[in-house]
Each structure stands twice: as structure tokens, then as C-alpha cells.
């Protein structure tokens, strides 16, 4: 079982410009934020109207907003070291709780007859999350890069090559996590590759 633990990062005030930039990227492009943005974009794509965005927002409540609230509550109660959960063993409970929230969202989306693409995306997120949880039990894979990789691949499937520049987001996130010493290069590469699992499920179900 992996013994890797990311070291504490300096506060923003104490950080060098390079580390400050890494912290900004890590925070702004956190998994929960990417999940919400992706659901809104795929929601729009599913109907070409604000109705689809509404469905995306509904799904984002279960896949992004509730999980973010779970993490914030854990940090506030002292159960988690920080909002990015740098200690691997602390990740398991929040990931499991998030699984429960996503499953609830899937049931409601099915009952309410949500657009196919939105429903397919949430199923894909469930599979991706379960895969991340399975790996996290024994290794600190990069969830940041797993979500980023999956996000970019899914956007390319939906919108085409016009969004190829979004690949830079994956590189930027990987750079930020490495600068903050949150992951090894192998954990970043494997995390990005794991994102293909969610993308494949989305491609098969959409």
C-alpha cells in the first residue's frame, strides 16, 4: 500500500510566485468546479437551450455541489486536512459519500426523464468516481488530473476539435499539482489516463 503523503503547502502569503500560481490553478480548476462546468456545458449541448443548462445544474447539485459541501464540512470539523485532501486515507470516506450523492442524482434524472447526454454523463462520472476510489484505497492517484482528463475528453466528444486547446488545462493542472508536491509524475499521468474511463462510458451511452 502506498505511503506517499503530500507535504503541507505554504500559505498564499508565504508562497513564491511560482507556488502562488500553482495554488491558484489547483483551486480554480479543482475537480468539483470542473464537474459543475462540464455538466452545464453538456447540458447546453444536449438541448441547445437553457432547458439543458437547467438539467446540467440539477445534476451538478448531486455531482459537484454536495461533494464540495461534504469536503468543506470535513475540513471544518477537522476530519480532513484541507479542501484538496492531501492525505490519501482521508479521501476514501468523502469519495464514498460522493458516490452515494451521484447515485441519488442518477435515480432522479432517470425518473424525471433527463436529456440522454446529461444522464450518460452522470453515469460516466459515477464509473469514473468508482474507479478513482478503487485506486485510492492503495495509491494516491491524482483525482485532479483524472477529472481534468475526463472533462477534456468528454468535451471533445461533444463539441469536437474546436475545444482541442482545452488540453492545456490538463497540462496546467498537472504542473500545479507537481509544483505543490501533491503527486508524483506517475500519479499525474495515471490520473489523466483514468479519465478515459469516464469518457469511454459517456461515448457508449450518449
N, C-alpha and C. Protein backbone atom coordinates (compact mmCIF):
# COMPACT_ATOMS: atom_id res chain seq x y z
N UNK A 1 0.85 -1.20 0.00
CA UNK A 1 0.00 0.00 0.00
C UNK A 1 0.89 1.25 0.00
N UNK A 2 0.52 2.27 -0.75
CA UNK A 2 1.34 3.47 -0.90
C UNK A 2 1.49 4.21 0.41
N UNK A 3 2.73 4.74 0.64
CA UNK A 3 2.98 5.55 1.84
C UNK A 3 3.17 7.02 1.46
N UNK A 4 2.98 7.35 0.19
CA UNK A 4 3.16 8.73 -0.26
C UNK A 4 2.14 9.65 0.39
N UNK A 5 2.62 10.76 0.96
CA UNK A 5 1.73 11.78 1.51
C UNK A 5 2.25 13.14 1.06
N UNK A 6 1.37 13.91 0.47
CA UNK A 6 1.78 15.24 0.01
C UNK A 6 2.11 16.12 1.20
N UNK A 7 3.19 16.88 1.13
CA UNK A 7 3.55 17.76 2.24
C UNK A 7 2.61 18.96 2.29
N UNK A 8 2.51 19.61 3.47
CA UNK A 8 1.69 20.83 3.55
C UNK A 8 2.25 21.90 2.61
N UNK A 9 1.39 22.67 2.01
CA UNK A 9 1.84 23.75 1.15
C UNK A 9 1.86 25.05 1.94
N UNK A 10 2.76 25.96 1.59
CA UNK A 10 2.80 27.23 2.32
C UNK A 10 1.54 28.04 2.08
N UNK A 11 1.25 28.95 2.99
CA UNK A 11 0.10 29.82 2.80
C UNK A 11 0.36 30.71 1.59
N UNK A 12 -0.71 31.28 1.05
CA UNK A 12 -0.58 32.11 -0.14
C UNK A 12 0.38 33.27 0.12
N UNK A 13 0.32 33.85 1.31
CA UNK A 13 1.17 35.00 1.64
C UNK A 13 2.65 34.61 1.69
N UNK A 14 2.92 33.38 2.10
CA UNK A 14 4.30 32.92 2.26
C UNK A 14 4.87 32.32 0.98
N UNK A 15 4.03 32.00 0.01
CA UNK A 15 4.45 31.26 -1.17
C UNK A 15 5.24 32.13 -2.15
N UNK A 16 6.10 31.47 -2.93
CA UNK A 16 6.80 32.13 -4.03
C UNK A 16 5.80 32.38 -5.16
N UNK A 17 6.12 33.26 -6.11
CA UNK A 17 5.20 33.49 -7.24
C UNK A 17 4.82 32.21 -7.97
N UNK A 18 5.79 31.31 -8.14
CA UNK A 18 5.53 30.05 -8.82
C UNK A 18 4.52 29.20 -8.06
N UNK A 19 4.70 29.11 -6.76
CA UNK A 19 3.78 28.33 -5.93
C UNK A 19 2.42 29.01 -5.85
N UNK A 20 2.41 30.34 -5.81
CA UNK A 20 1.13 31.06 -5.82
C UNK A 20 0.33 30.74 -7.07
N UNK A 21 1.01 30.73 -8.22
CA UNK A 21 0.34 30.41 -9.48
C UNK A 21 -0.21 28.99 -9.44
N UNK A 22 0.58 28.08 -8.89
CA UNK A 22 0.15 26.68 -8.80
C UNK A 22 -1.07 26.55 -7.90
N UNK A 23 -1.07 27.29 -6.80
CA UNK A 23 -2.20 27.24 -5.87
C UNK A 23 -3.47 27.79 -6.53
N UNK A 24 -3.34 28.85 -7.29
CA UNK A 24 -4.49 29.44 -7.97
C UNK A 24 -5.08 28.45 -8.98
N UNK A 25 -4.21 27.80 -9.76
CA UNK A 25 -4.68 26.82 -10.75
C UNK A 25 -5.34 25.63 -10.07
N UNK A 26 -4.70 25.12 -9.03
CA UNK A 26 -5.25 23.97 -8.29
C UNK A 26 -6.62 24.29 -7.70
N UNK A 27 -6.76 25.49 -7.15
CA UNK A 27 -8.04 25.88 -6.54
C UNK A 27 -9.11 26.15 -7.58
N UNK A 28 -8.76 26.91 -8.61
CA UNK A 28 -9.75 27.31 -9.62
C UNK A 28 -10.23 26.12 -10.44
N UNK A 29 -9.32 25.18 -10.72
CA UNK A 29 -9.67 24.03 -11.56
C UNK A 29 -9.78 22.76 -10.72
N UNK A 30 -10.28 22.90 -9.52
CA UNK A 30 -10.50 21.75 -8.63
C UNK A 30 -11.53 20.81 -9.25
N UNK A 31 -11.50 19.53 -8.92
CA UNK A 31 -12.44 18.56 -9.50
C UNK A 31 -13.90 18.97 -9.41
N UNK A 32 -14.33 19.45 -8.26
CA UNK A 32 -15.73 19.84 -8.11
C UNK A 32 -16.13 20.96 -9.06
N UNK A 33 -15.23 21.92 -9.27
CA UNK A 33 -15.51 23.03 -10.18
C UNK A 33 -15.60 22.54 -11.63
N UNK A 34 -14.70 21.64 -12.00
CA UNK A 34 -14.72 21.10 -13.36
C UNK A 34 -15.98 20.27 -13.62
N UNK A 35 -16.38 19.51 -12.61
CA UNK A 35 -17.60 18.69 -12.75
C UNK A 35 -18.82 19.57 -13.00
N UNK A 36 -18.93 20.65 -12.25
CA UNK A 36 -20.08 21.55 -12.41
C UNK A 36 -20.06 22.20 -13.79
N UNK A 37 -18.89 22.70 -14.19
CA UNK A 37 -18.77 23.35 -15.50
C UNK A 37 -19.08 22.37 -16.63
N UNK A 38 -18.58 21.14 -16.52
CA UNK A 38 -18.81 20.14 -17.56
C UNK A 38 -20.29 19.80 -17.68
N UNK A 39 -20.96 19.65 -16.56
CA UNK A 39 -22.39 19.33 -16.60
C UNK A 39 -23.21 20.45 -17.24
N UNK A 40 -22.83 21.69 -16.98
CA UNK A 40 -23.53 22.82 -17.60
C UNK A 40 -23.30 22.85 -19.11
N UNK A 41 -22.06 22.58 -19.53
CA UNK A 41 -21.74 22.60 -20.96
C UNK A 41 -22.40 21.44 -21.70
N UNK A 42 -22.41 20.27 -21.10
CA UNK A 42 -23.07 19.13 -21.74
C UNK A 42 -24.58 19.30 -21.68
N UNK A 43 -25.07 19.94 -20.61
CA UNK A 43 -26.49 20.24 -20.54
C UNK A 43 -26.92 21.12 -21.70
N UNK A 44 -26.13 22.14 -21.96
CA UNK A 44 -26.42 23.03 -23.09
C UNK A 44 -26.37 22.25 -24.41
N UNK A 45 -25.35 21.42 -24.56
CA UNK A 45 -25.20 20.66 -25.79
C UNK A 45 -26.35 19.68 -26.01
N UNK A 46 -26.92 19.18 -24.92
CA UNK A 46 -27.97 18.16 -25.03
C UNK A 46 -29.26 18.70 -25.63
N UNK A 47 -29.54 19.98 -25.44
CA UNK A 47 -30.79 20.55 -25.95
C UNK A 47 -30.57 21.81 -26.78
N UNK A 48 -29.39 22.41 -26.65
CA UNK A 48 -29.13 23.66 -27.36
C UNK A 48 -29.90 24.83 -26.78
N UNK A 49 -30.31 24.70 -25.51
CA UNK A 49 -31.09 25.76 -24.89
C UNK A 49 -30.84 25.80 -23.38
N UNK A 50 -31.44 26.79 -22.72
CA UNK A 50 -31.30 26.92 -21.28
C UNK A 50 -31.98 25.78 -20.52
N UNK A 51 -32.89 25.10 -21.19
CA UNK A 51 -33.51 23.93 -20.55
C UNK A 51 -32.45 22.89 -20.23
N UNK A 52 -31.55 22.66 -21.18
CA UNK A 52 -30.46 21.72 -20.95
C UNK A 52 -29.52 22.18 -19.85
N UNK A 53 -29.26 23.49 -19.82
CA UNK A 53 -28.42 24.04 -18.76
C UNK A 53 -29.07 23.78 -17.40
N UNK A 54 -30.40 23.90 -17.35
CA UNK A 54 -31.12 23.62 -16.11
C UNK A 54 -30.94 22.18 -15.67
N UNK A 55 -31.00 21.25 -16.62
CA UNK A 55 -30.76 19.85 -16.31
C UNK A 55 -29.32 19.65 -15.82
N UNK A 56 -28.38 20.33 -16.47
CA UNK A 56 -26.99 20.23 -16.04
C UNK A 56 -26.80 20.75 -14.63
N UNK A 57 -27.50 21.84 -14.31
CA UNK A 57 -27.41 22.41 -12.96
C UNK A 57 -28.01 21.45 -11.93
N UNK A 58 -29.12 20.82 -12.30
CA UNK A 58 -29.76 19.85 -11.41
C UNK A 58 -28.80 18.70 -11.11
N UNK A 59 -28.15 18.17 -12.16
CA UNK A 59 -27.19 17.09 -11.97
C UNK A 59 -25.97 17.57 -11.18
N UNK A 60 -25.56 18.82 -11.42
CA UNK A 60 -24.39 19.37 -10.73
C UNK A 60 -24.61 19.46 -9.22
N UNK A 61 -25.86 19.61 -8.81
CA UNK A 61 -26.15 19.67 -7.38
C UNK A 61 -25.70 18.38 -6.69
N UNK A 62 -25.93 17.24 -7.34
CA UNK A 62 -25.59 15.95 -6.74
C UNK A 62 -24.15 15.53 -7.02
N UNK A 63 -23.62 15.96 -8.16
CA UNK A 63 -22.27 15.53 -8.56
C UNK A 63 -21.17 16.51 -8.18
N UNK A 64 -21.51 17.75 -7.94
CA UNK A 64 -20.49 18.75 -7.64
C UNK A 64 -20.74 19.54 -6.37
N UNK A 65 -21.94 20.06 -6.21
CA UNK A 65 -22.22 20.94 -5.08
C UNK A 65 -22.24 20.18 -3.75
N UNK A 66 -22.96 19.06 -3.71
CA UNK A 66 -22.99 18.26 -2.48
C UNK A 66 -21.59 17.73 -2.13
N UNK A 67 -20.85 17.17 -3.09
CA UNK A 67 -19.49 16.72 -2.78
C UNK A 67 -18.59 17.84 -2.23
N UNK A 68 -18.69 19.03 -2.81
CA UNK A 68 -17.90 20.16 -2.30
C UNK A 68 -18.31 20.48 -0.86
N UNK A 69 -19.60 20.41 -0.58
CA UNK A 69 -20.09 20.68 0.78
C UNK A 69 -19.59 19.63 1.76
N UNK A 70 -19.53 18.38 1.31
CA UNK A 70 -19.03 17.29 2.16
C UNK A 70 -17.59 17.56 2.56
N UNK A 71 -16.79 17.98 1.58
CA UNK A 71 -15.37 18.25 1.86
C UNK A 71 -15.21 19.45 2.79
N UNK A 72 -15.96 20.51 2.53
CA UNK A 72 -15.87 21.70 3.38
C UNK A 72 -16.26 21.37 4.82
N UNK A 73 -17.29 20.55 4.98
CA UNK A 73 -17.73 20.15 6.31
C UNK A 73 -16.65 19.32 6.99
N UNK A 74 -16.02 18.43 6.22
CA UNK A 74 -14.95 17.62 6.78
C UNK A 74 -13.77 18.44 7.26
N UNK A 75 -13.41 19.47 6.47
CA UNK A 75 -12.32 20.37 6.86
C UNK A 75 -12.70 21.15 8.11
N UNK A 76 -13.92 21.66 8.13
CA UNK A 76 -14.38 22.45 9.27
C UNK A 76 -14.39 21.64 10.56
N UNK A 77 -14.73 20.37 10.45
CA UNK A 77 -14.79 19.50 11.64
C UNK A 77 -13.44 18.90 12.00
N UNK A 78 -12.42 19.18 11.18
CA UNK A 78 -11.09 18.67 11.46
C UNK A 78 -10.87 17.23 11.02
N UNK A 79 -11.80 16.68 10.24
CA UNK A 79 -11.66 15.31 9.75
C UNK A 79 -10.75 15.24 8.52
N UNK A 80 -10.65 16.36 7.81
CA UNK A 80 -9.82 16.44 6.61
C UNK A 80 -8.78 17.53 6.80
N UNK A 81 -7.59 17.31 6.29
CA UNK A 81 -6.51 18.28 6.49
C UNK A 81 -6.74 19.56 5.69
N UNK A 82 -7.33 19.42 4.50
CA UNK A 82 -7.51 20.58 3.63
C UNK A 82 -8.54 20.24 2.56
N UNK A 83 -8.95 21.24 1.78
CA UNK A 83 -10.01 21.03 0.79
C UNK A 83 -9.59 20.16 -0.37
N UNK A 84 -8.29 19.94 -0.54
CA UNK A 84 -7.83 19.06 -1.61
C UNK A 84 -7.48 17.66 -1.08
N UNK A 85 -7.67 17.46 0.21
CA UNK A 85 -7.48 16.17 0.89
C UNK A 85 -6.16 15.52 0.49
N UNK A 86 -5.06 16.14 0.93
CA UNK A 86 -3.74 15.67 0.53
C UNK A 86 -3.35 14.34 1.17
N UNK A 87 -4.02 13.94 2.26
CA UNK A 87 -3.73 12.66 2.91
C UNK A 87 -4.63 11.58 2.30
N UNK A 88 -4.02 10.59 1.68
CA UNK A 88 -4.76 9.59 0.90
C UNK A 88 -5.86 8.90 1.70
N UNK A 89 -5.56 8.44 2.90
CA UNK A 89 -6.55 7.67 3.66
C UNK A 89 -7.78 8.50 4.01
N UNK A 90 -7.63 9.84 4.01
CA UNK A 90 -8.77 10.70 4.31
C UNK A 90 -9.71 10.84 3.11
N UNK A 91 -9.26 10.43 1.95
CA UNK A 91 -10.06 10.61 0.73
C UNK A 91 -11.18 9.58 0.61
N UNK A 92 -11.02 8.43 1.23
CA UNK A 92 -11.93 7.31 0.99
C UNK A 92 -13.36 7.63 1.43
N UNK A 93 -13.55 8.17 2.64
CA UNK A 93 -14.90 8.45 3.13
C UNK A 93 -15.60 9.52 2.28
N UNK A 94 -14.95 10.66 1.96
CA UNK A 94 -15.63 11.65 1.11
C UNK A 94 -15.96 11.12 -0.28
N UNK A 95 -15.07 10.30 -0.85
CA UNK A 95 -15.35 9.72 -2.16
C UNK A 95 -16.53 8.77 -2.10
N UNK A 96 -16.61 7.99 -1.02
CA UNK A 96 -17.73 7.07 -0.86
C UNK A 96 -19.04 7.84 -0.69
N UNK A 97 -19.01 8.92 0.09
CA UNK A 97 -20.21 9.74 0.28
C UNK A 97 -20.64 10.39 -1.03
N UNK A 98 -19.65 10.80 -1.81
CA UNK A 98 -19.95 11.39 -3.11
C UNK A 98 -20.60 10.36 -4.03
N UNK A 99 -20.14 9.12 -3.96
CA UNK A 99 -20.77 8.06 -4.74
C UNK A 99 -22.26 7.96 -4.44
N UNK A 100 -22.59 8.03 -3.15
CA UNK A 100 -23.99 7.97 -2.75
C UNK A 100 -24.80 9.14 -3.32
N UNK A 101 -24.19 10.32 -3.31
CA UNK A 101 -24.87 11.50 -3.84
C UNK A 101 -25.09 11.37 -5.35
N UNK A 102 -24.08 10.88 -6.06
CA UNK A 102 -24.19 10.73 -7.51
C UNK A 102 -25.25 9.68 -7.87
N UNK A 103 -25.29 8.59 -7.12
CA UNK A 103 -26.30 7.56 -7.36
C UNK A 103 -27.70 8.14 -7.18
N UNK A 104 -27.88 8.95 -6.15
CA UNK A 104 -29.17 9.62 -5.94
C UNK A 104 -29.53 10.48 -7.14
N UNK A 105 -28.56 11.22 -7.64
CA UNK A 105 -28.78 12.06 -8.82
C UNK A 105 -29.17 11.24 -10.03
N UNK A 106 -28.53 10.10 -10.21
CA UNK A 106 -28.84 9.24 -11.36
C UNK A 106 -30.28 8.75 -11.30
N UNK A 107 -30.70 8.31 -10.12
CA UNK A 107 -32.08 7.83 -9.96
C UNK A 107 -33.08 8.92 -10.31
N UNK A 108 -32.85 10.13 -9.81
CA UNK A 108 -33.77 11.23 -10.07
C UNK A 108 -33.77 11.65 -11.54
N UNK A 109 -32.59 11.67 -12.15
CA UNK A 109 -32.50 12.02 -13.57
C UNK A 109 -33.25 11.00 -14.44
N UNK A 110 -33.16 9.75 -14.05
CA UNK A 110 -33.86 8.70 -14.79
C UNK A 110 -35.38 8.84 -14.63
N UNK A 111 -35.82 9.04 -13.39
CA UNK A 111 -37.25 9.18 -13.12
C UNK A 111 -37.83 10.40 -13.82
N UNK A 112 -37.06 11.49 -13.85
CA UNK A 112 -37.54 12.74 -14.43
C UNK A 112 -37.30 12.84 -15.94
N UNK A 113 -36.73 11.77 -16.51
CA UNK A 113 -36.50 11.72 -17.97
C UNK A 113 -35.60 12.85 -18.46
N UNK A 114 -34.44 12.94 -17.86
CA UNK A 114 -33.45 13.96 -18.24
C UNK A 114 -32.93 13.70 -19.65
N UNK A 115 -32.36 14.72 -20.31
CA UNK A 115 -31.76 14.51 -21.63
C UNK A 115 -30.72 13.40 -21.60
N UNK A 116 -30.65 12.66 -22.69
CA UNK A 116 -29.78 11.48 -22.76
C UNK A 116 -28.33 11.81 -22.43
N UNK A 117 -27.81 12.89 -22.99
CA UNK A 117 -26.39 13.22 -22.77
C UNK A 117 -26.10 13.53 -21.32
N UNK A 118 -27.00 14.24 -20.66
CA UNK A 118 -26.80 14.57 -19.24
C UNK A 118 -26.81 13.29 -18.41
N UNK A 119 -27.78 12.43 -18.68
CA UNK A 119 -27.87 11.16 -17.96
C UNK A 119 -26.61 10.32 -18.20
N UNK A 120 -26.17 10.25 -19.45
CA UNK A 120 -24.97 9.48 -19.79
C UNK A 120 -23.75 10.03 -19.08
N UNK A 121 -23.66 11.35 -18.99
CA UNK A 121 -22.52 11.97 -18.33
C UNK A 121 -22.48 11.64 -16.85
N UNK A 122 -23.62 11.66 -16.19
CA UNK A 122 -23.64 11.36 -14.76
C UNK A 122 -23.29 9.89 -14.51
N UNK A 123 -23.76 9.00 -15.38
CA UNK A 123 -23.34 7.59 -15.27
C UNK A 123 -21.83 7.49 -15.44
N UNK A 124 -21.30 8.22 -16.42
CA UNK A 124 -19.85 8.21 -16.66
C UNK A 124 -19.09 8.72 -15.44
N UNK A 125 -19.63 9.75 -14.82
CA UNK A 125 -18.99 10.30 -13.62
C UNK A 125 -19.00 9.28 -12.48
N UNK A 126 -20.10 8.54 -12.37
CA UNK A 126 -20.18 7.51 -11.34
C UNK A 126 -19.11 6.45 -11.55
N UNK A 127 -18.95 6.00 -12.79
CA UNK A 127 -17.94 4.98 -13.10
C UNK A 127 -16.53 5.53 -12.86
N UNK A 128 -16.30 6.78 -13.28
CA UNK A 128 -15.00 7.40 -13.05
C UNK A 128 -14.70 7.56 -11.57
N UNK A 129 -15.71 7.96 -10.80
CA UNK A 129 -15.53 8.13 -9.36
C UNK A 129 -15.24 6.80 -8.68
N UNK A 130 -15.98 5.77 -9.08
CA UNK A 130 -15.75 4.44 -8.50
C UNK A 130 -14.34 3.94 -8.82
N UNK A 131 -13.88 4.22 -10.04
CA UNK A 131 -12.53 3.82 -10.44
C UNK A 131 -11.48 4.55 -9.60
N UNK A 132 -11.70 5.84 -9.39
CA UNK A 132 -10.77 6.63 -8.57
C UNK A 132 -10.74 6.12 -7.14
N UNK A 133 -11.92 5.78 -6.61
CA UNK A 133 -11.99 5.27 -5.24
C UNK A 133 -11.26 3.94 -5.12
N UNK A 134 -11.43 3.08 -6.12
CA UNK A 134 -10.77 1.78 -6.09
C UNK A 134 -9.25 1.92 -6.06
N UNK A 135 -8.72 2.86 -6.84
CA UNK A 135 -7.28 3.07 -6.87
C UNK A 135 -6.81 3.76 -5.59
N UNK A 136 -7.61 4.70 -5.08
CA UNK A 136 -7.23 5.47 -3.91
C UNK A 136 -7.05 4.60 -2.66
N UNK A 137 -7.72 3.47 -2.62
CA UNK A 137 -7.59 2.56 -1.49
C UNK A 137 -6.13 2.16 -1.27
N UNK A 138 -5.37 2.07 -2.38
CA UNK A 138 -3.97 1.63 -2.23
C UNK A 138 -2.93 2.59 -2.81
N UNK A 139 -3.37 3.62 -3.55
CA UNK A 139 -2.39 4.52 -4.19
C UNK A 139 -3.00 5.90 -4.33
N UNK A 140 -2.19 6.93 -4.16
CA UNK A 140 -2.69 8.31 -4.20
C UNK A 140 -2.68 8.85 -5.63
N UNK A 141 -3.58 8.34 -6.44
CA UNK A 141 -3.69 8.81 -7.81
C UNK A 141 -4.22 10.24 -7.81
N UNK A 142 -3.90 10.99 -8.86
CA UNK A 142 -4.34 12.38 -8.92
C UNK A 142 -5.79 12.48 -9.38
N UNK A 143 -6.68 12.80 -8.44
CA UNK A 143 -8.09 12.99 -8.78
C UNK A 143 -8.24 14.27 -9.61
N UNK A 144 -7.42 15.28 -9.31
CA UNK A 144 -7.44 16.50 -10.12
C UNK A 144 -7.26 16.16 -11.60
N UNK A 145 -6.23 15.38 -11.91
CA UNK A 145 -5.95 15.08 -13.30
C UNK A 145 -6.91 14.06 -13.90
N UNK A 146 -7.44 13.17 -13.06
CA UNK A 146 -8.43 12.22 -13.56
C UNK A 146 -9.68 12.97 -14.03
N UNK A 147 -10.13 13.92 -13.22
CA UNK A 147 -11.31 14.69 -13.60
C UNK A 147 -11.00 15.61 -14.78
N UNK A 148 -9.83 16.23 -14.76
CA UNK A 148 -9.45 17.11 -15.87
C UNK A 148 -9.34 16.34 -17.18
N UNK A 149 -8.69 15.18 -17.14
CA UNK A 149 -8.55 14.37 -18.34
C UNK A 149 -9.90 13.93 -18.88
N UNK A 150 -10.76 13.44 -17.98
CA UNK A 150 -12.09 13.03 -18.40
C UNK A 150 -12.90 14.19 -18.95
N UNK A 151 -12.79 15.34 -18.31
CA UNK A 151 -13.53 16.53 -18.74
C UNK A 151 -13.16 16.92 -20.17
N UNK A 152 -11.89 17.00 -20.44
CA UNK A 152 -11.43 17.41 -21.77
C UNK A 152 -11.84 16.39 -22.83
N UNK A 153 -11.68 15.10 -22.53
CA UNK A 153 -12.06 14.06 -23.50
C UNK A 153 -13.56 14.11 -23.80
N UNK A 154 -14.37 14.31 -22.78
CA UNK A 154 -15.82 14.36 -22.97
C UNK A 154 -16.22 15.61 -23.76
N UNK A 155 -15.58 16.73 -23.49
CA UNK A 155 -15.87 17.94 -24.25
C UNK A 155 -15.50 17.78 -25.72
N UNK A 156 -14.40 17.09 -25.99
CA UNK A 156 -14.01 16.84 -27.37
C UNK A 156 -15.01 15.93 -28.07
N UNK A 157 -15.54 14.96 -27.34
CA UNK A 157 -16.56 14.07 -27.91
C UNK A 157 -17.82 14.85 -28.27
N UNK A 158 -18.18 15.79 -27.41
CA UNK A 158 -19.43 16.53 -27.61
C UNK A 158 -19.28 17.68 -28.60
N UNK A 159 -18.22 18.45 -28.47
CA UNK A 159 -18.08 19.68 -29.24
C UNK A 159 -17.08 19.59 -30.40
N UNK A 160 -16.27 18.54 -30.41
CA UNK A 160 -15.33 18.37 -31.49
C UNK A 160 -14.00 19.08 -31.29
N UNK A 161 -13.21 19.15 -32.36
CA UNK A 161 -11.84 19.65 -32.29
C UNK A 161 -11.73 21.13 -31.95
N UNK A 162 -12.83 21.85 -32.00
CA UNK A 162 -12.79 23.27 -31.65
C UNK A 162 -12.31 23.47 -30.21
N UNK A 163 -12.47 22.44 -29.38
CA UNK A 163 -12.05 22.55 -27.98
C UNK A 163 -10.71 21.87 -27.70
N UNK A 164 -9.95 21.57 -28.75
CA UNK A 164 -8.62 20.98 -28.54
C UNK A 164 -7.71 21.81 -27.62
N UNK A 165 -7.79 23.16 -27.67
CA UNK A 165 -6.95 23.96 -26.76
C UNK A 165 -7.20 23.65 -25.28
N UNK A 166 -8.35 23.03 -24.97
CA UNK A 166 -8.65 22.70 -23.58
C UNK A 166 -7.66 21.69 -23.01
N UNK A 167 -6.95 21.01 -23.88
CA UNK A 167 -5.92 20.06 -23.42
C UNK A 167 -4.91 20.77 -22.53
N UNK A 168 -4.71 22.06 -22.80
CA UNK A 168 -3.76 22.84 -21.99
C UNK A 168 -4.17 22.88 -20.53
N UNK A 169 -5.46 22.75 -20.26
CA UNK A 169 -5.93 22.75 -18.87
C UNK A 169 -5.38 21.54 -18.12
N UNK A 170 -5.34 20.40 -18.78
CA UNK A 170 -4.82 19.18 -18.15
C UNK A 170 -3.35 19.36 -17.81
N UNK A 171 -2.61 19.93 -18.75
CA UNK A 171 -1.18 20.17 -18.54
C UNK A 171 -0.97 21.15 -17.38
N UNK A 172 -1.77 22.22 -17.37
CA UNK A 172 -1.64 23.24 -16.33
C UNK A 172 -1.95 22.66 -14.95
N UNK A 173 -2.99 21.85 -14.88
CA UNK A 173 -3.35 21.25 -13.60
C UNK A 173 -2.26 20.29 -13.13
N UNK A 174 -1.75 19.48 -14.05
CA UNK A 174 -0.66 18.58 -13.70
C UNK A 174 0.55 19.33 -13.20
N UNK A 175 0.88 20.43 -13.89
CA UNK A 175 2.01 21.26 -13.46
C UNK A 175 1.78 21.80 -12.06
N UNK A 176 0.58 22.28 -11.79
CA UNK A 176 0.29 22.87 -10.48
C UNK A 176 0.38 21.84 -9.36
N UNK A 177 -0.12 20.62 -9.62
CA UNK A 177 -0.07 19.58 -8.59
C UNK A 177 1.36 19.13 -8.32
N UNK A 178 2.19 19.15 -9.38
CA UNK A 178 3.58 18.76 -9.20
C UNK A 178 4.35 19.84 -8.44
N UNK A 179 4.11 21.10 -8.79
CA UNK A 179 4.77 22.20 -8.09
C UNK A 179 4.43 22.18 -6.60
N UNK A 180 3.19 21.85 -6.29
CA UNK A 180 2.76 21.79 -4.89
C UNK A 180 3.16 20.48 -4.21
N UNK A 181 3.84 19.62 -4.95
CA UNK A 181 4.32 18.32 -4.45
C UNK A 181 3.18 17.46 -3.95
N UNK A 182 2.02 17.62 -4.59
CA UNK A 182 0.84 16.85 -4.19
C UNK A 182 0.86 15.44 -4.77
N UNK A 183 1.61 15.25 -5.88
CA UNK A 183 1.64 13.95 -6.54
C UNK A 183 2.98 13.74 -7.23
N UNK A 184 3.28 12.47 -7.47
CA UNK A 184 4.43 12.12 -8.29
C UNK A 184 4.00 12.24 -9.76
N UNK A 185 4.97 12.21 -10.65
CA UNK A 185 4.66 12.27 -12.08
C UNK A 185 3.80 11.07 -12.48
N UNK A 186 4.12 9.90 -11.94
CA UNK A 186 3.35 8.69 -12.27
C UNK A 186 1.89 8.83 -11.84
N UNK A 187 1.65 9.42 -10.68
CA UNK A 187 0.28 9.61 -10.19
C UNK A 187 -0.50 10.58 -11.07
N UNK A 188 0.20 11.57 -11.60
CA UNK A 188 -0.44 12.53 -12.50
C UNK A 188 -0.77 11.90 -13.85
N UNK A 189 0.18 11.16 -14.40
CA UNK A 189 -0.04 10.52 -15.70
C UNK A 189 -1.15 9.47 -15.61
N UNK A 190 -1.11 8.66 -14.57
CA UNK A 190 -2.13 7.62 -14.41
C UNK A 190 -3.49 8.24 -14.11
N UNK A 191 -3.51 9.35 -13.39
CA UNK A 191 -4.77 10.03 -13.13
C UNK A 191 -5.40 10.52 -14.41
N UNK A 192 -4.58 11.13 -15.27
CA UNK A 192 -5.08 11.62 -16.55
C UNK A 192 -5.61 10.46 -17.40
N UNK A 193 -4.88 9.36 -17.41
CA UNK A 193 -5.31 8.18 -18.17
C UNK A 193 -6.62 7.62 -17.62
N UNK A 194 -6.78 7.67 -16.32
CA UNK A 194 -8.01 7.16 -15.71
C UNK A 194 -9.24 7.94 -16.17
N UNK A 195 -9.03 9.18 -16.55
CA UNK A 195 -10.14 9.99 -17.05
C UNK A 195 -10.77 9.40 -18.30
N UNK A 196 -10.01 8.58 -19.02
CA UNK A 196 -10.54 7.96 -20.24
C UNK A 196 -11.65 6.96 -19.93
N UNK A 197 -11.69 6.44 -18.71
CA UNK A 197 -12.75 5.50 -18.33
C UNK A 197 -14.10 6.20 -18.40
N UNK A 198 -14.19 7.38 -17.79
CA UNK A 198 -15.44 8.14 -17.82
C UNK A 198 -15.79 8.55 -19.25
N UNK A 199 -14.78 8.95 -20.01
CA UNK A 199 -15.02 9.37 -21.39
C UNK A 199 -15.56 8.21 -22.24
N UNK A 200 -15.02 7.02 -22.02
CA UNK A 200 -15.48 5.85 -22.77
C UNK A 200 -16.94 5.53 -22.44
N UNK A 201 -17.28 5.59 -21.16
CA UNK A 201 -18.66 5.31 -20.75
C UNK A 201 -19.60 6.34 -21.37
N UNK A 202 -19.19 7.61 -21.36
CA UNK A 202 -20.01 8.66 -21.95
C UNK A 202 -20.22 8.41 -23.45
N UNK A 203 -19.14 8.03 -24.13
CA UNK A 203 -19.22 7.79 -25.57
C UNK A 203 -20.17 6.63 -25.87
N UNK A 204 -20.19 5.62 -25.03
CA UNK A 204 -21.04 4.45 -25.27
C UNK A 204 -22.50 4.70 -24.94
N UNK A 205 -22.78 5.61 -24.01
CA UNK A 205 -24.14 5.80 -23.54
C UNK A 205 -24.86 7.02 -24.12
N UNK A 206 -24.13 7.97 -24.66
CA UNK A 206 -24.75 9.23 -25.10
C UNK A 206 -25.73 9.03 -26.25
